[in-house]
Amino acid sequence: MGTEEAPVRYVLLLIPCILAVIAPFYNAVDPRLFGFPFFYWFLLVLIPVSSLFIYLASRVGR
């Protein structure tokens, strides 16, 4: 791993963490998706999105 790839990896890993931590900003009922309040479906969507970011971070620099 070169020094130029390290910051990119950290940013890619930090994005989903920040999205999950800022719950007070998206703690809302509306909009609903299939009956789920926004808070819950956003967290459910964040699971595969986080997996994608982790995969991308692992592929940087290979």
PDB file of N, CA and C in Angstrom:
ATOM      1  N   MET A   1       0.847  -1.174   0.000  1.00  0.00           N
ATOM      2  CA  MET A   1       0.000   0.000   0.000  1.00  0.00           C
ATOM      3  C   MET A   1       0.890   1.234   0.000  1.00  0.00           C
ATOM      4  N   GLY A   2       0.707   2.071  -1.005  1.00  0.00           N
ATOM      5  CA  GLY A   2       1.462   3.305  -1.078  1.00  0.00           C
ATOM      6  C   GLY A   2       0.853   4.377  -0.199  1.00  0.00           C
ATOM      7  N   THR A   3       1.596   5.433  -0.023  1.00  0.00           N
ATOM      8  CA  THR A   3       1.103   6.503   0.846  1.00  0.00           C
ATOM      9  C   THR A   3      -0.031   7.275   0.199  1.00  0.00           C
ATOM     10  N   GLU A   4      -0.111   7.284  -1.131  1.00  0.00           N
ATOM     11  CA  GLU A   4      -1.186   8.029  -1.782  1.00  0.00           C
ATOM     12  C   GLU A   4      -2.521   7.293  -1.712  1.00  0.00           C
ATOM     13  N   GLU A   5      -2.513   5.968  -1.549  1.00  0.00           N
ATOM     14  CA  GLU A   5      -3.761   5.226  -1.462  1.00  0.00           C
ATOM     15  C   GLU A   5      -4.363   5.259  -0.059  1.00  0.00           C
ATOM     16  N   ALA A   6      -3.551   5.435   0.948  1.00  0.00           N
ATOM     17  CA  ALA A   6      -4.031   5.372   2.327  1.00  0.00           C
ATOM     18  C   ALA A   6      -5.122   6.401   2.623  1.00  0.00           C
ATOM     19  N   PRO A   7      -4.966   7.679   2.268  1.00  0.00           N
ATOM     20  CA  PRO A   7      -6.050   8.630   2.555  1.00  0.00           C
ATOM     21  C   PRO A   7      -7.348   8.287   1.830  1.00  0.00           C
ATOM     22  N   VAL A   8      -7.237   7.767   0.615  1.00  0.00           N
ATOM     23  CA  VAL A   8      -8.437   7.397  -0.135  1.00  0.00           C
ATOM     24  C   VAL A   8      -9.162   6.258   0.570  1.00  0.00           C
ATOM     25  N   ARG A   9      -8.416   5.295   1.064  1.00  0.00           N
ATOM     26  CA  ARG A   9      -9.030   4.183   1.796  1.00  0.00           C
ATOM     27  C   ARG A   9      -9.729   4.670   3.051  1.00  0.00           C
ATOM     28  N   TYR A  10      -9.085   5.562   3.767  1.00  0.00           N
ATOM     29  CA  TYR A  10      -9.684   6.067   5.000  1.00  0.00           C
ATOM     30  C   TYR A  10     -10.961   6.844   4.720  1.00  0.00           C
ATOM     31  N   VAL A  11     -10.964   7.627   3.674  1.00  0.00           N
ATOM     32  CA  VAL A  11     -12.166   8.387   3.321  1.00  0.00           C
ATOM     33  C   VAL A  11     -13.292   7.438   2.931  1.00  0.00           C
ATOM     34  N   LEU A  12     -12.965   6.410   2.142  1.00  0.00           N
ATOM     35  CA  LEU A  12     -13.987   5.443   1.739  1.00  0.00           C
ATOM     36  C   LEU A  12     -14.564   4.699   2.942  1.00  0.00           C
ATOM     37  N   LEU A  13     -13.751   4.425   3.935  1.00  0.00           N
ATOM     38  CA  LEU A  13     -14.246   3.747   5.133  1.00  0.00           C
ATOM     39  C   LEU A  13     -14.971   4.703   6.080  1.00  0.00           C
ATOM     40  N   LEU A  14     -14.635   5.972   6.008  1.00  0.00           N
ATOM     41  CA  LEU A  14     -15.233   6.957   6.904  1.00  0.00           C
ATOM     42  C   LEU A  14     -16.638   7.371   6.467  1.00  0.00           C
ATOM     43  N   ILE A  15     -16.920   7.342   5.180  1.00  0.00           N
ATOM     44  CA  ILE A  15     -18.217   7.798   4.667  1.00  0.00           C
ATOM     45  C   ILE A  15     -19.386   7.028   5.281  1.00  0.00           C
ATOM     46  N   PRO A  16     -19.401   5.688   5.247  1.00  0.00           N
ATOM     47  CA  PRO A  16     -20.543   4.994   5.863  1.00  0.00           C
ATOM     48  C   PRO A  16     -20.623   5.197   7.374  1.00  0.00           C
ATOM     49  N   CYS A  17     -19.485   5.350   8.019  1.00  0.00           N
ATOM     50  CA  CYS A  17     -19.498   5.590   9.468  1.00  0.00           C
ATOM     51  C   CYS A  17     -20.167   6.917   9.786  1.00  0.00           C
ATOM     52  N   ILE A  18     -19.836   7.928   9.037  1.00  0.00           N
ATOM     53  CA  ILE A  18     -20.438   9.247   9.257  1.00  0.00           C
ATOM     54  C   ILE A  18     -21.933   9.200   8.971  1.00  0.00           C
ATOM     55  N   LEU A  19     -22.323   8.524   7.893  1.00  0.00           N
ATOM     56  CA  LEU A  19     -23.747   8.426   7.568  1.00  0.00           C
ATOM     57  C   LEU A  19     -24.531   7.723   8.672  1.00  0.00           C
ATOM     58  N   ALA A  20     -23.944   6.721   9.286  1.00  0.00           N
ATOM     59  CA  ALA A  20     -24.643   5.999  10.356  1.00  0.00           C
ATOM     60  C   ALA A  20     -24.698   6.799  11.652  1.00  0.00           C
ATOM     61  N   VAL A  21     -23.711   7.648  11.881  1.00  0.00           N
ATOM     62  CA  VAL A  21     -23.624   8.382  13.150  1.00  0.00           C
ATOM     63  C   VAL A  21     -24.503   9.628  13.167  1.00  0.00           C
ATOM     64  N   ILE A  22     -24.832  10.180  12.019  1.00  0.00           N
ATOM     65  CA  ILE A  22     -25.599  11.428  11.996  1.00  0.00           C
ATOM     66  C   ILE A  22     -27.099  11.168  12.098  1.00  0.00           C
ATOM     67  N   ALA A  23     -27.477  10.213  12.910  1.00  0.00           N
ATOM     68  CA  ALA A  23     -28.886   9.833  13.073  1.00  0.00           C
ATOM     69  C   ALA A  23     -29.807  11.000  13.431  1.00  0.00           C
ATOM     70  N   PRO A  24     -29.410  11.948  14.251  1.00  0.00           N
ATOM     71  CA  PRO A  24     -30.332  13.046  14.549  1.00  0.00           C
ATOM     72  C   PRO A  24     -30.767  13.831  13.314  1.00  0.00           C
ATOM     73  N   PHE A  25     -29.977  13.820  12.267  1.00  0.00           N
ATOM     74  CA  PHE A  25     -30.340  14.562  11.067  1.00  0.00           C
ATOM     75  C   PHE A  25     -31.344  13.814  10.197  1.00  0.00           C
ATOM     76  N   TYR A  26     -31.374  12.493  10.277  1.00  0.00           N
ATOM     77  CA  TYR A  26     -32.341  11.750   9.468  1.00  0.00           C
ATOM     78  C   TYR A  26     -33.342  10.988  10.325  1.00  0.00           C
ATOM     79  N   ASN A  27     -33.463  11.339  11.578  1.00  0.00           N
ATOM     80  CA  ASN A  27     -34.436  10.709  12.465  1.00  0.00           C
ATOM     81  C   ASN A  27     -35.812  11.304  12.177  1.00  0.00           C
ATOM     82  N   ALA A  28     -36.472  10.745  11.167  1.00  0.00           N
ATOM     83  CA  ALA A  28     -37.772  11.242  10.747  1.00  0.00           C
ATOM     84  C   ALA A  28     -38.661  10.068  10.356  1.00  0.00           C
ATOM     85  N   VAL A  29     -39.954  10.317  10.358  1.00  0.00           N
ATOM     86  CA  VAL A  29     -40.905   9.288   9.964  1.00  0.00           C
ATOM     87  C   VAL A  29     -41.112   9.317   8.455  1.00  0.00           C
ATOM     88  N   ASP A  30     -41.258  10.497   7.908  1.00  0.00           N
ATOM     89  CA  ASP A  30     -41.494  10.636   6.460  1.00  0.00           C
ATOM     90  C   ASP A  30     -40.199  10.953   5.757  1.00  0.00           C
ATOM     91  N   PRO A  31     -39.968  10.492   4.587  1.00  0.00           N
ATOM     92  CA  PRO A  31     -40.819   9.690   3.712  1.00  0.00           C
ATOM     93  C   PRO A  31     -40.786   8.218   4.107  1.00  0.00           C
ATOM     94  N   ARG A  32     -41.845   7.532   3.794  1.00  0.00           N
ATOM     95  CA  ARG A  32     -41.955   6.099   4.082  1.00  0.00           C
ATOM     96  C   ARG A  32     -41.677   5.303   2.816  1.00  0.00           C
ATOM     97  N   LEU A  33     -41.114   4.125   3.007  1.00  0.00           N
ATOM     98  CA  LEU A  33     -40.851   3.218   1.896  1.00  0.00           C
ATOM     99  C   LEU A  33     -41.361   1.843   2.306  1.00  0.00           C
ATOM    100  N   PHE A  34     -42.386   1.354   1.630  1.00  0.00           N
ATOM    101  CA  PHE A  34     -43.028   0.075   1.950  1.00  0.00           C
ATOM    102  C   PHE A  34     -43.488   0.033   3.405  1.00  0.00           C
ATOM    103  N   GLY A  35     -43.931   1.165   3.923  1.00  0.00           N
ATOM    104  CA  GLY A  35     -44.427   1.241   5.286  1.00  0.00           C
ATOM    105  C   GLY A  35     -43.371   1.488   6.346  1.00  0.00           C
ATOM    106  N   PHE A  36     -42.097   1.412   5.962  1.00  0.00           N
ATOM    107  CA  PHE A  36     -41.013   1.659   6.914  1.00  0.00           C
ATOM    108  C   PHE A  36     -40.738   3.156   7.009  1.00  0.00           C
ATOM    109  N   PRO A  37     -40.618   3.698   8.222  1.00  0.00           N
ATOM    110  CA  PRO A  37     -40.212   5.095   8.358  1.00  0.00           C
ATOM    111  C   PRO A  37     -38.801   5.305   7.797  1.00  0.00           C
ATOM    112  N   PHE A  38     -38.506   6.530   7.440  1.00  0.00           N
ATOM    113  CA  PHE A  38     -37.228   6.871   6.815  1.00  0.00           C
ATOM    114  C   PHE A  38     -36.043   6.396   7.641  1.00  0.00           C
ATOM    115  N   PHE A  39     -36.115   6.563   8.948  1.00  0.00           N
ATOM    116  CA  PHE A  39     -35.003   6.179   9.820  1.00  0.00           C
ATOM    117  C   PHE A  39     -34.617   4.721   9.613  1.00  0.00           C
ATOM    118  N   TYR A  40     -35.621   3.846   9.544  1.00  0.00           N
ATOM    119  CA  TYR A  40     -35.335   2.412   9.424  1.00  0.00           C
ATOM    120  C   TYR A  40     -34.888   2.020   8.025  1.00  0.00           C
ATOM    121  N   TRP A  41     -35.579   2.523   6.989  1.00  0.00           N
ATOM    122  CA  TRP A  41     -35.176   2.083   5.657  1.00  0.00           C
ATOM    123  C   TRP A  41     -33.851   2.701   5.246  1.00  0.00           C
ATOM    124  N   PHE A  42     -33.503   3.855   5.783  1.00  0.00           N
ATOM    125  CA  PHE A  42     -32.190   4.419   5.488  1.00  0.00           C
ATOM    126  C   PHE A  42     -31.088   3.532   6.065  1.00  0.00           C
ATOM    127  N   LEU A  43     -31.290   3.056   7.286  1.00  0.00           N
ATOM    128  CA  LEU A  43     -30.300   2.152   7.884  1.00  0.00           C
ATOM    129  C   LEU A  43     -30.233   0.826   7.139  1.00  0.00           C
ATOM    130  N   LEU A  44     -31.366   0.329   6.661  1.00  0.00           N
ATOM    131  CA  LEU A  44     -31.367  -0.911   5.879  1.00  0.00           C
ATOM    132  C   LEU A  44     -30.639  -0.734   4.548  1.00  0.00           C
ATOM    133  N   VAL A  45     -30.784   0.417   3.935  1.00  0.00           N
ATOM    134  CA  VAL A  45     -30.079   0.702   2.680  1.00  0.00           C
ATOM    135  C   VAL A  45     -28.596   0.907   2.949  1.00  0.00           C
ATOM    136  N   LEU A  46     -28.278   1.425   4.110  1.00  0.00           N
ATOM    137  CA  LEU A  46     -26.885   1.707   4.447  1.00  0.00           C
ATOM    138  C   LEU A  46     -26.045   0.436   4.592  1.00  0.00           C
ATOM    139  N   ILE A  47     -26.658  -0.690   4.879  1.00  0.00           N
ATOM    140  CA  ILE A  47     -25.908  -1.946   5.026  1.00  0.00           C
ATOM    141  C   ILE A  47     -25.222  -2.343   3.724  1.00  0.00           C
ATOM    142  N   PRO A  48     -25.941  -2.470   2.589  1.00  0.00           N
ATOM    143  CA  PRO A  48     -25.230  -2.808   1.348  1.00  0.00           C
ATOM    144  C   PRO A  48     -24.327  -1.685   0.853  1.00  0.00           C
ATOM    145  N   VAL A  49     -24.716  -0.440   1.119  1.00  0.00           N
ATOM    146  CA  VAL A  49     -23.868   0.687   0.714  1.00  0.00           C
ATOM    147  C   VAL A  49     -22.546   0.638   1.472  1.00  0.00           C
ATOM    148  N   SER A  50     -22.595   0.339   2.762  1.00  0.00           N
ATOM    149  CA  SER A  50     -21.366   0.210   3.552  1.00  0.00           C
ATOM    150  C   SER A  50     -20.505  -0.931   3.037  1.00  0.00           C
ATOM    151  N   SER A  51     -21.139  -2.027   2.670  1.00  0.00           N
ATOM    152  CA  SER A  51     -20.388  -3.153   2.107  1.00  0.00           C
ATOM    153  C   SER A  51     -19.680  -2.755   0.822  1.00  0.00           C
ATOM    154  N   LEU A  52     -20.349  -1.975   0.009  1.00  0.00           N
ATOM    155  CA  LEU A  52     -19.741  -1.496  -1.232  1.00  0.00           C
ATOM    156  C   LEU A  52     -18.533  -0.608  -0.948  1.00  0.00           C
ATOM    157  N   PHE A  53     -18.654   0.294   0.013  1.00  0.00           N
ATOM    158  CA  PHE A  53     -17.530   1.163   0.358  1.00  0.00           C
ATOM    159  C   PHE A  53     -16.361   0.366   0.933  1.00  0.00           C
ATOM    160  N   ILE A  54     -16.646  -0.646   1.728  1.00  0.00           N
ATOM    161  CA  ILE A  54     -15.576  -1.491   2.270  1.00  0.00           C
ATOM    162  C   ILE A  54     -14.884  -2.245   1.146  1.00  0.00           C
ATOM    163  N   TYR A  55     -15.660  -2.752   0.201  1.00  0.00           N
ATOM    164  CA  TYR A  55     -15.080  -3.445  -0.953  1.00  0.00           C
ATOM    165  C   TYR A  55     -14.199  -2.496  -1.762  1.00  0.00           C
ATOM    166  N   LEU A  56     -14.702  -1.290  -2.025  1.00  0.00           N
ATOM    167  CA  LEU A  56     -13.916  -0.319  -2.793  1.00  0.00           C
ATOM    168  C   LEU A  56     -12.628   0.055  -2.066  1.00  0.00           C
ATOM    169  N   ALA A  57     -12.707   0.213  -0.749  1.00  0.00           N
ATOM    170  CA  ALA A  57     -11.506   0.550   0.021  1.00  0.00           C
ATOM    171  C   ALA A  57     -10.487  -0.575  -0.038  1.00  0.00           C
ATOM    172  N   SER A  58     -10.957  -1.808  -0.080  1.00  0.00           N
ATOM    173  CA  SER A  58     -10.017  -2.930  -0.157  1.00  0.00           C
ATOM    174  C   SER A  58      -9.391  -3.050  -1.537  1.00  0.00           C
ATOM    175  N   ARG A  59     -10.072  -2.551  -2.561  1.00  0.00           N
ATOM    176  CA  ARG A  59      -9.565  -2.658  -3.924  1.00  0.00           C
ATOM    177  C   ARG A  59      -8.642  -1.505  -4.314  1.00  0.00           C
ATOM    178  N   VAL A  60      -8.666  -0.418  -3.579  1.00  0.00           N
ATOM    179  CA  VAL A  60      -7.810   0.734  -3.901  1.00  0.00           C
ATOM    180  C   VAL A  60      -6.354   0.333  -3.711  1.00  0.00           C
ATOM    181  N   GLY A  61      -5.572   0.556  -4.718  1.00  0.00           N
ATOM    182  CA  GLY A  61      -4.143   0.290  -4.621  1.00  0.00           C
ATOM    183  C   GLY A  61      -3.725  -1.107  -4.984  1.00  0.00           C
ATOM    184  N   ARG A  62      -4.645  -1.933  -5.389  1.00  0.00           N
ATOM    185  CA  ARG A  62      -4.270  -3.297  -5.797  1.00  0.00           C
ATOM    186  C   ARG A  62      -3.890  -3.326  -7.246  1.00  0.00           C
TER     187      ARG A  62
END
